[in-house]
N, C-alpha and C. Protein backbone atom coordinates (compact mmCIF):
# COMPACT_ATOMS: atom_id res chain seq x y z
N MET A 1 23.55 -4.61 -14.31
CA MET A 1 22.29 -4.28 -14.94
C MET A 1 21.13 -5.05 -14.32
N LYS A 2 21.41 -6.30 -14.00
CA LYS A 2 20.37 -7.13 -13.42
C LYS A 2 19.86 -6.54 -12.11
N ASN A 3 20.76 -6.02 -11.27
CA ASN A 3 20.40 -5.40 -10.02
C ASN A 3 19.56 -4.14 -10.25
N GLY A 4 19.86 -3.38 -11.27
CA GLY A 4 19.12 -2.17 -11.60
C GLY A 4 17.70 -2.49 -12.02
N CYS A 5 17.50 -3.57 -12.75
CA CYS A 5 16.15 -3.97 -13.17
C CYS A 5 15.30 -4.38 -11.98
N VAL A 6 15.92 -5.10 -11.05
CA VAL A 6 15.19 -5.54 -9.86
C VAL A 6 14.74 -4.31 -9.06
N GLU A 7 15.63 -3.33 -8.89
CA GLU A 7 15.28 -2.12 -8.15
C GLU A 7 14.18 -1.35 -8.88
N TRP A 8 14.28 -1.27 -10.20
CA TRP A 8 13.28 -0.54 -11.00
C TRP A 8 11.91 -1.21 -10.86
N ILE A 9 11.87 -2.54 -10.92
CA ILE A 9 10.61 -3.29 -10.79
C ILE A 9 10.04 -3.08 -9.39
N HIS A 10 10.91 -3.10 -8.38
CA HIS A 10 10.45 -2.90 -7.00
C HIS A 10 9.83 -1.51 -6.84
N GLU A 11 10.49 -0.48 -7.39
CA GLU A 11 9.95 0.88 -7.32
C GLU A 11 8.63 0.99 -8.08
N LEU A 12 8.54 0.32 -9.21
CA LEU A 12 7.31 0.33 -10.00
C LEU A 12 6.17 -0.31 -9.21
N GLN A 13 6.46 -1.42 -8.53
CA GLN A 13 5.44 -2.09 -7.73
C GLN A 13 4.96 -1.19 -6.59
N LYS A 14 5.89 -0.52 -5.91
CA LYS A 14 5.52 0.39 -4.83
C LYS A 14 4.67 1.53 -5.35
N GLY A 15 5.04 2.05 -6.51
CA GLY A 15 4.28 3.15 -7.11
C GLY A 15 2.88 2.70 -7.50
N ALA A 16 2.77 1.50 -8.07
CA ALA A 16 1.46 0.98 -8.48
C ALA A 16 0.59 0.74 -7.25
N ALA A 17 1.18 0.22 -6.19
CA ALA A 17 0.42 -0.03 -4.96
C ALA A 17 -0.08 1.29 -4.37
N ALA A 18 0.78 2.31 -4.38
CA ALA A 18 0.37 3.61 -3.86
C ALA A 18 -0.76 4.20 -4.70
N PHE A 19 -0.66 4.04 -6.03
CA PHE A 19 -1.69 4.56 -6.93
C PHE A 19 -3.03 3.86 -6.67
N ILE A 20 -3.00 2.54 -6.57
CA ILE A 20 -4.23 1.78 -6.33
C ILE A 20 -4.84 2.16 -4.99
N LEU A 21 -4.00 2.29 -3.97
CA LEU A 21 -4.48 2.68 -2.65
C LEU A 21 -5.11 4.07 -2.69
N SER A 22 -4.46 5.02 -3.37
CA SER A 22 -5.01 6.37 -3.42
C SER A 22 -6.32 6.41 -4.20
N MET A 23 -6.45 5.62 -5.24
CA MET A 23 -7.70 5.57 -5.99
C MET A 23 -8.82 5.00 -5.12
N GLY A 24 -8.49 3.99 -4.36
CA GLY A 24 -9.48 3.41 -3.45
C GLY A 24 -9.93 4.41 -2.41
N MET A 25 -9.00 5.19 -1.88
CA MET A 25 -9.35 6.21 -0.89
C MET A 25 -10.23 7.28 -1.51
N MET A 26 -9.94 7.68 -2.74
CA MET A 26 -10.76 8.68 -3.41
C MET A 26 -12.15 8.12 -3.66
N GLY A 27 -12.24 6.85 -3.98
CA GLY A 27 -13.54 6.22 -4.19
C GLY A 27 -14.37 6.25 -2.93
N CYS A 28 -13.72 6.00 -1.78
CA CYS A 28 -14.44 6.05 -0.51
C CYS A 28 -14.89 7.47 -0.20
N ALA A 29 -14.02 8.43 -0.47
CA ALA A 29 -14.37 9.82 -0.19
C ALA A 29 -15.53 10.28 -1.06
N GLY A 30 -15.55 9.81 -2.30
CA GLY A 30 -16.61 10.22 -3.22
C GLY A 30 -17.94 9.55 -2.94
N SER A 31 -17.94 8.50 -2.15
CA SER A 31 -19.18 7.77 -1.90
C SER A 31 -19.97 8.36 -0.74
N GLY A 32 -19.48 9.45 -0.17
CA GLY A 32 -20.24 10.11 0.89
C GLY A 32 -20.00 9.51 2.26
N GLY A 33 -18.87 8.90 2.47
CA GLY A 33 -18.56 8.44 3.81
C GLY A 33 -18.11 7.00 3.86
N GLY A 34 -18.36 6.24 2.83
CA GLY A 34 -17.87 4.88 2.78
C GLY A 34 -18.30 4.05 3.96
N LEU A 35 -17.37 3.71 4.81
CA LEU A 35 -17.61 2.78 5.91
C LEU A 35 -18.68 3.30 6.87
N ALA A 36 -18.61 4.56 7.23
CA ALA A 36 -19.59 5.10 8.18
C ALA A 36 -21.01 4.98 7.63
N GLN A 37 -21.15 5.18 6.34
CA GLN A 37 -22.48 5.11 5.75
C GLN A 37 -23.02 3.68 5.75
N SER A 38 -22.17 2.69 5.51
CA SER A 38 -22.64 1.31 5.46
C SER A 38 -22.97 0.77 6.84
N VAL A 39 -22.41 1.37 7.90
CA VAL A 39 -22.66 0.92 9.26
C VAL A 39 -24.04 1.39 9.72
N GLN A 40 -24.55 2.47 9.16
CA GLN A 40 -25.85 3.00 9.55
C GLN A 40 -26.94 1.98 9.22
N VAL A 41 -27.78 1.67 10.18
CA VAL A 41 -28.80 0.65 10.02
C VAL A 41 -30.15 1.34 9.82
N GLU A 42 -30.94 0.81 8.89
CA GLU A 42 -32.27 1.35 8.67
C GLU A 42 -33.14 1.11 9.89
N PRO A 43 -34.07 2.03 10.18
CA PRO A 43 -34.93 1.86 11.35
C PRO A 43 -35.69 0.53 11.33
N GLN A 44 -36.19 0.11 10.17
CA GLN A 44 -36.96 -1.13 10.10
C GLN A 44 -36.14 -2.31 10.60
N LYS A 45 -34.89 -2.40 10.18
CA LYS A 45 -34.01 -3.51 10.58
C LYS A 45 -33.73 -3.43 12.09
N MET A 46 -33.42 -2.23 12.55
CA MET A 46 -33.09 -2.07 13.96
C MET A 46 -34.28 -2.43 14.85
N VAL A 47 -35.45 -1.93 14.50
CA VAL A 47 -36.65 -2.20 15.31
C VAL A 47 -37.02 -3.68 15.23
N ALA A 48 -36.89 -4.30 14.07
CA ALA A 48 -37.17 -5.73 13.94
C ALA A 48 -36.25 -6.53 14.87
N ASP A 49 -34.98 -6.16 14.91
CA ASP A 49 -34.03 -6.86 15.78
C ASP A 49 -34.38 -6.65 17.26
N LEU A 50 -34.78 -5.44 17.61
CA LEU A 50 -35.16 -5.16 19.00
C LEU A 50 -36.42 -5.92 19.40
N ALA A 51 -37.41 -5.94 18.51
CA ALA A 51 -38.66 -6.66 18.81
C ALA A 51 -38.38 -8.15 18.97
N THR A 52 -37.53 -8.70 18.12
CA THR A 52 -37.16 -10.11 18.21
C THR A 52 -36.44 -10.39 19.53
N ALA A 53 -35.53 -9.52 19.91
CA ALA A 53 -34.79 -9.71 21.17
C ALA A 53 -35.72 -9.60 22.39
N ARG A 54 -36.66 -8.65 22.35
CA ARG A 54 -37.60 -8.49 23.46
C ARG A 54 -38.45 -9.75 23.62
N TRP A 55 -38.96 -10.26 22.49
CA TRP A 55 -39.77 -11.48 22.56
C TRP A 55 -38.92 -12.69 22.96
N GLY A 56 -37.67 -12.71 22.55
CA GLY A 56 -36.78 -13.78 23.00
C GLY A 56 -36.64 -13.80 24.51
N ALA A 57 -36.53 -12.61 25.10
CA ALA A 57 -36.46 -12.52 26.57
C ALA A 57 -37.77 -12.97 27.21
N LEU A 58 -38.91 -12.58 26.64
CA LEU A 58 -40.20 -13.00 27.19
C LEU A 58 -40.36 -14.52 27.13
N ILE A 59 -39.99 -15.11 26.01
CA ILE A 59 -40.12 -16.56 25.84
C ILE A 59 -39.26 -17.31 26.87
N LYS A 60 -38.08 -16.76 27.16
CA LYS A 60 -37.19 -17.37 28.15
C LYS A 60 -37.63 -17.08 29.58
N GLY A 61 -38.61 -16.20 29.74
CA GLY A 61 -39.06 -15.83 31.09
C GLY A 61 -38.17 -14.79 31.74
N ASP A 62 -37.33 -14.12 30.96
CA ASP A 62 -36.44 -13.09 31.49
C ASP A 62 -37.16 -11.74 31.40
N PHE A 63 -38.12 -11.53 32.32
CA PHE A 63 -38.95 -10.34 32.28
C PHE A 63 -38.16 -9.08 32.60
N ALA A 64 -37.11 -9.20 33.40
CA ALA A 64 -36.27 -8.04 33.70
C ALA A 64 -35.60 -7.52 32.42
N LYS A 65 -35.14 -8.44 31.60
CA LYS A 65 -34.51 -8.03 30.34
C LYS A 65 -35.56 -7.43 29.40
N ALA A 66 -36.72 -8.06 29.30
CA ALA A 66 -37.79 -7.55 28.44
C ALA A 66 -38.25 -6.17 28.92
N TYR A 67 -38.26 -5.96 30.22
CA TYR A 67 -38.65 -4.68 30.81
C TYR A 67 -37.77 -3.53 30.32
N ASN A 68 -36.50 -3.82 30.09
CA ASN A 68 -35.56 -2.79 29.65
C ASN A 68 -35.84 -2.27 28.24
N TYR A 69 -36.69 -2.96 27.48
CA TYR A 69 -37.07 -2.48 26.14
C TYR A 69 -38.21 -1.47 26.21
N LEU A 70 -38.87 -1.37 27.36
CA LEU A 70 -39.97 -0.41 27.52
C LEU A 70 -39.44 1.02 27.46
N SER A 71 -40.28 1.91 26.96
CA SER A 71 -39.89 3.32 26.88
C SER A 71 -39.65 3.87 28.28
N PRO A 72 -38.79 4.87 28.39
CA PRO A 72 -38.54 5.47 29.71
C PRO A 72 -39.82 5.95 30.38
N GLY A 73 -40.75 6.51 29.62
CA GLY A 73 -42.01 6.98 30.19
C GLY A 73 -42.84 5.85 30.76
N THR A 74 -42.84 4.72 30.06
CA THR A 74 -43.59 3.55 30.55
C THR A 74 -42.96 3.02 31.83
N ARG A 75 -41.63 2.97 31.88
CA ARG A 75 -40.96 2.48 33.08
C ARG A 75 -41.16 3.41 34.27
N GLU A 76 -41.42 4.69 34.00
CA GLU A 76 -41.69 5.62 35.09
C GLU A 76 -43.01 5.31 35.78
N VAL A 77 -43.99 4.82 35.03
CA VAL A 77 -45.32 4.58 35.60
C VAL A 77 -45.61 3.10 35.86
N MET A 78 -44.71 2.22 35.42
CA MET A 78 -44.91 0.78 35.62
C MET A 78 -43.62 0.15 36.18
N SER A 79 -43.72 -0.38 37.37
CA SER A 79 -42.55 -1.02 37.98
C SER A 79 -42.30 -2.38 37.34
N LEU A 80 -41.13 -2.91 37.56
CA LEU A 80 -40.79 -4.24 37.06
C LEU A 80 -41.74 -5.29 37.65
N ASP A 81 -42.09 -5.16 38.93
CA ASP A 81 -43.00 -6.12 39.56
C ASP A 81 -44.38 -6.12 38.90
N VAL A 82 -44.88 -4.94 38.59
CA VAL A 82 -46.18 -4.84 37.92
C VAL A 82 -46.08 -5.44 36.51
N TYR A 83 -44.97 -5.15 35.84
CA TYR A 83 -44.75 -5.69 34.50
C TYR A 83 -44.74 -7.22 34.53
N LYS A 84 -44.01 -7.79 35.48
CA LYS A 84 -43.95 -9.25 35.61
C LYS A 84 -45.33 -9.83 35.88
N ALA A 85 -46.10 -9.17 36.76
CA ALA A 85 -47.42 -9.66 37.14
C ALA A 85 -48.38 -9.68 35.95
N LYS A 86 -48.18 -8.78 34.99
CA LYS A 86 -49.06 -8.73 33.82
C LYS A 86 -48.94 -9.99 32.97
N PHE A 87 -47.77 -10.63 33.03
CA PHE A 87 -47.54 -11.80 32.16
C PHE A 87 -47.81 -13.13 32.83
N ARG A 88 -47.52 -13.26 34.09
CA ARG A 88 -47.71 -14.51 34.83
C ARG A 88 -47.13 -15.71 34.10
N GLY A 89 -46.10 -15.49 33.36
CA GLY A 89 -45.46 -16.60 32.62
C GLY A 89 -46.32 -17.06 31.47
N GLY A 90 -45.92 -16.73 30.29
CA GLY A 90 -46.67 -17.11 29.11
C GLY A 90 -46.29 -18.50 28.63
N ASN A 91 -47.07 -19.01 27.74
CA ASN A 91 -46.76 -20.30 27.11
C ASN A 91 -46.28 -20.07 25.68
N TRP A 92 -45.48 -19.02 25.50
CA TRP A 92 -44.99 -18.67 24.18
C TRP A 92 -43.92 -19.65 23.74
N LYS A 93 -43.94 -19.99 22.49
CA LYS A 93 -42.96 -20.92 21.93
C LYS A 93 -42.02 -20.23 20.96
N ALA A 94 -42.54 -19.27 20.19
CA ALA A 94 -41.73 -18.58 19.19
C ALA A 94 -42.37 -17.24 18.85
N ALA A 95 -41.55 -16.34 18.38
CA ALA A 95 -42.03 -15.03 17.94
C ALA A 95 -41.21 -14.60 16.73
N ASN A 96 -41.92 -14.19 15.68
CA ASN A 96 -41.25 -13.74 14.47
C ASN A 96 -41.85 -12.43 13.99
N VAL A 97 -41.00 -11.59 13.44
CA VAL A 97 -41.46 -10.33 12.88
C VAL A 97 -42.06 -10.60 11.51
N ASP A 98 -43.33 -10.22 11.33
CA ASP A 98 -43.97 -10.33 10.02
C ASP A 98 -43.65 -9.12 9.16
N SER A 99 -43.76 -7.93 9.76
CA SER A 99 -43.50 -6.71 9.00
C SER A 99 -43.19 -5.56 9.95
N VAL A 100 -42.51 -4.56 9.39
CA VAL A 100 -42.20 -3.34 10.12
C VAL A 100 -42.45 -2.18 9.18
N SER A 101 -43.22 -1.20 9.63
CA SER A 101 -43.39 0.02 8.84
C SER A 101 -43.09 1.20 9.75
N CYS A 102 -42.29 2.13 9.22
CA CYS A 102 -41.85 3.26 10.03
C CYS A 102 -42.17 4.58 9.34
N GLU A 103 -42.51 5.56 10.16
CA GLU A 103 -42.67 6.94 9.73
C GLU A 103 -42.00 7.81 10.78
N GLN A 104 -40.97 8.49 10.37
CA GLN A 104 -40.18 9.35 11.25
C GLN A 104 -39.71 8.59 12.47
N ASP A 105 -40.19 8.96 13.66
CA ASP A 105 -39.71 8.36 14.91
C ASP A 105 -40.65 7.32 15.49
N GLN A 106 -41.52 6.74 14.65
CA GLN A 106 -42.45 5.71 15.11
C GLN A 106 -42.45 4.54 14.14
N CYS A 107 -42.50 3.34 14.69
CA CYS A 107 -42.59 2.14 13.87
C CYS A 107 -43.72 1.25 14.39
N LYS A 108 -44.37 0.59 13.46
CA LYS A 108 -45.39 -0.40 13.79
C LYS A 108 -44.83 -1.76 13.38
N VAL A 109 -44.84 -2.68 14.33
CA VAL A 109 -44.29 -4.01 14.09
C VAL A 109 -45.44 -5.02 14.19
N LEU A 110 -45.57 -5.86 13.20
CA LEU A 110 -46.55 -6.95 13.26
C LEU A 110 -45.79 -8.22 13.60
N MET A 111 -46.11 -8.79 14.77
CA MET A 111 -45.43 -9.99 15.26
C MET A 111 -46.33 -11.21 15.07
N ALA A 112 -45.72 -12.33 14.71
CA ALA A 112 -46.41 -13.62 14.68
C ALA A 112 -45.94 -14.39 15.92
N ILE A 113 -46.87 -14.66 16.82
CA ILE A 113 -46.54 -15.31 18.09
C ILE A 113 -47.13 -16.71 18.11
N GLU A 114 -46.26 -17.68 18.35
CA GLU A 114 -46.71 -19.07 18.49
C GLU A 114 -46.75 -19.38 19.98
N TYR A 115 -47.84 -20.00 20.42
CA TYR A 115 -48.01 -20.30 21.84
C TYR A 115 -48.83 -21.57 22.02
N GLY A 116 -48.79 -22.09 23.22
CA GLY A 116 -49.60 -23.25 23.58
C GLY A 116 -50.69 -22.83 24.55
N TYR A 117 -51.81 -23.55 24.49
CA TYR A 117 -52.91 -23.25 25.40
C TYR A 117 -53.61 -24.54 25.77
N ARG A 118 -53.62 -24.84 27.04
CA ARG A 118 -54.21 -26.07 27.56
C ARG A 118 -53.69 -27.28 26.79
N ASP A 119 -54.58 -28.04 26.15
CA ASP A 119 -54.16 -29.24 25.42
C ASP A 119 -53.70 -28.96 23.99
N ILE A 120 -53.88 -27.74 23.56
CA ILE A 120 -53.46 -27.38 22.20
C ILE A 120 -51.99 -26.99 22.24
N LYS A 121 -51.17 -27.73 21.52
CA LYS A 121 -49.73 -27.52 21.59
C LYS A 121 -49.26 -26.29 20.83
N SER A 122 -49.94 -25.95 19.75
CA SER A 122 -49.44 -24.83 18.97
C SER A 122 -50.57 -24.02 18.34
N LEU A 123 -50.63 -22.77 18.74
CA LEU A 123 -51.55 -21.79 18.15
C LEU A 123 -50.69 -20.61 17.69
N GLU A 124 -51.25 -19.83 16.79
CA GLU A 124 -50.51 -18.65 16.35
C GLU A 124 -51.44 -17.45 16.31
N THR A 125 -50.92 -16.31 16.72
CA THR A 125 -51.68 -15.07 16.68
C THR A 125 -50.77 -13.97 16.17
N ARG A 126 -51.37 -12.89 15.75
CA ARG A 126 -50.63 -11.71 15.30
C ARG A 126 -50.85 -10.58 16.30
N LEU A 127 -49.78 -9.88 16.60
CA LEU A 127 -49.85 -8.75 17.52
C LEU A 127 -49.20 -7.53 16.88
N ASP A 128 -49.86 -6.39 17.01
CA ASP A 128 -49.27 -5.12 16.59
C ASP A 128 -48.50 -4.52 17.75
N GLU A 129 -47.30 -4.05 17.48
CA GLU A 129 -46.51 -3.38 18.50
C GLU A 129 -46.14 -1.99 18.00
N LYS A 130 -46.03 -1.08 18.95
CA LYS A 130 -45.61 0.29 18.64
C LYS A 130 -44.23 0.52 19.24
N TRP A 131 -43.32 1.03 18.41
CA TRP A 131 -41.98 1.37 18.85
C TRP A 131 -41.73 2.83 18.52
N MET A 132 -41.09 3.54 19.45
CA MET A 132 -40.81 4.96 19.25
C MET A 132 -39.33 5.24 19.47
N ARG A 133 -38.82 6.20 18.68
CA ARG A 133 -37.42 6.62 18.86
C ARG A 133 -37.43 7.87 19.75
N GLN A 134 -36.63 7.79 20.82
CA GLN A 134 -36.48 8.90 21.74
C GLN A 134 -35.01 9.04 22.07
N ASP A 135 -34.47 10.21 21.89
CA ASP A 135 -33.05 10.48 22.14
C ASP A 135 -32.15 9.51 21.39
N GLY A 136 -32.54 9.17 20.17
CA GLY A 136 -31.72 8.32 19.32
C GLY A 136 -31.85 6.83 19.56
N LYS A 137 -32.69 6.42 20.53
CA LYS A 137 -32.88 5.00 20.83
C LYS A 137 -34.33 4.61 20.58
N TRP A 138 -34.51 3.34 20.21
CA TRP A 138 -35.85 2.81 19.97
C TRP A 138 -36.37 2.11 21.21
N TRP A 139 -37.66 2.35 21.53
CA TRP A 139 -38.30 1.81 22.73
C TRP A 139 -39.66 1.21 22.37
N TYR A 140 -40.00 0.15 23.07
CA TYR A 140 -41.33 -0.46 22.93
C TYR A 140 -42.33 0.31 23.79
N VAL A 141 -43.48 0.63 23.20
CA VAL A 141 -44.54 1.34 23.93
C VAL A 141 -45.76 0.43 23.95
N PRO A 142 -46.06 -0.18 25.11
CA PRO A 142 -47.20 -1.09 25.18
C PRO A 142 -48.53 -0.35 25.10
N ARG A 143 -49.55 -1.09 24.72
CA ARG A 143 -50.92 -0.53 24.73
C ARG A 143 -51.34 -0.33 26.17
N ARG A 144 -52.20 0.62 26.39
CA ARG A 144 -52.66 0.90 27.75
C ARG A 144 -53.90 0.13 28.06
């Protein structure tokens, strides 16, 4: 009898585990995609991360990396050498995203840029940036 109880408990545990697993799967199905939906990133977050990464490259002096954030159209009319020459090495110290507002395939990013100038070690300015989505990717579009 003792052996029969152990087998019965084991079968009950397997059945309970299967039930719990199936309920969890139904919960995911009912949520409209579960994992796939949670992986989708809002445009504001994505663009904020891209703007931060672009400024990180500029601060490090990696203009080739920063150039890759430019829209394909901008890169068609502006070479990497011209892009580098526009900056001549900045005295940037830090860059932070203040805000991001998006409408459809365009986002406006307000950046807070800390920089040094001559004997002044730390100044701060705000810059508006325009980002556009093209073919599912976000690109920085500089002012002309």
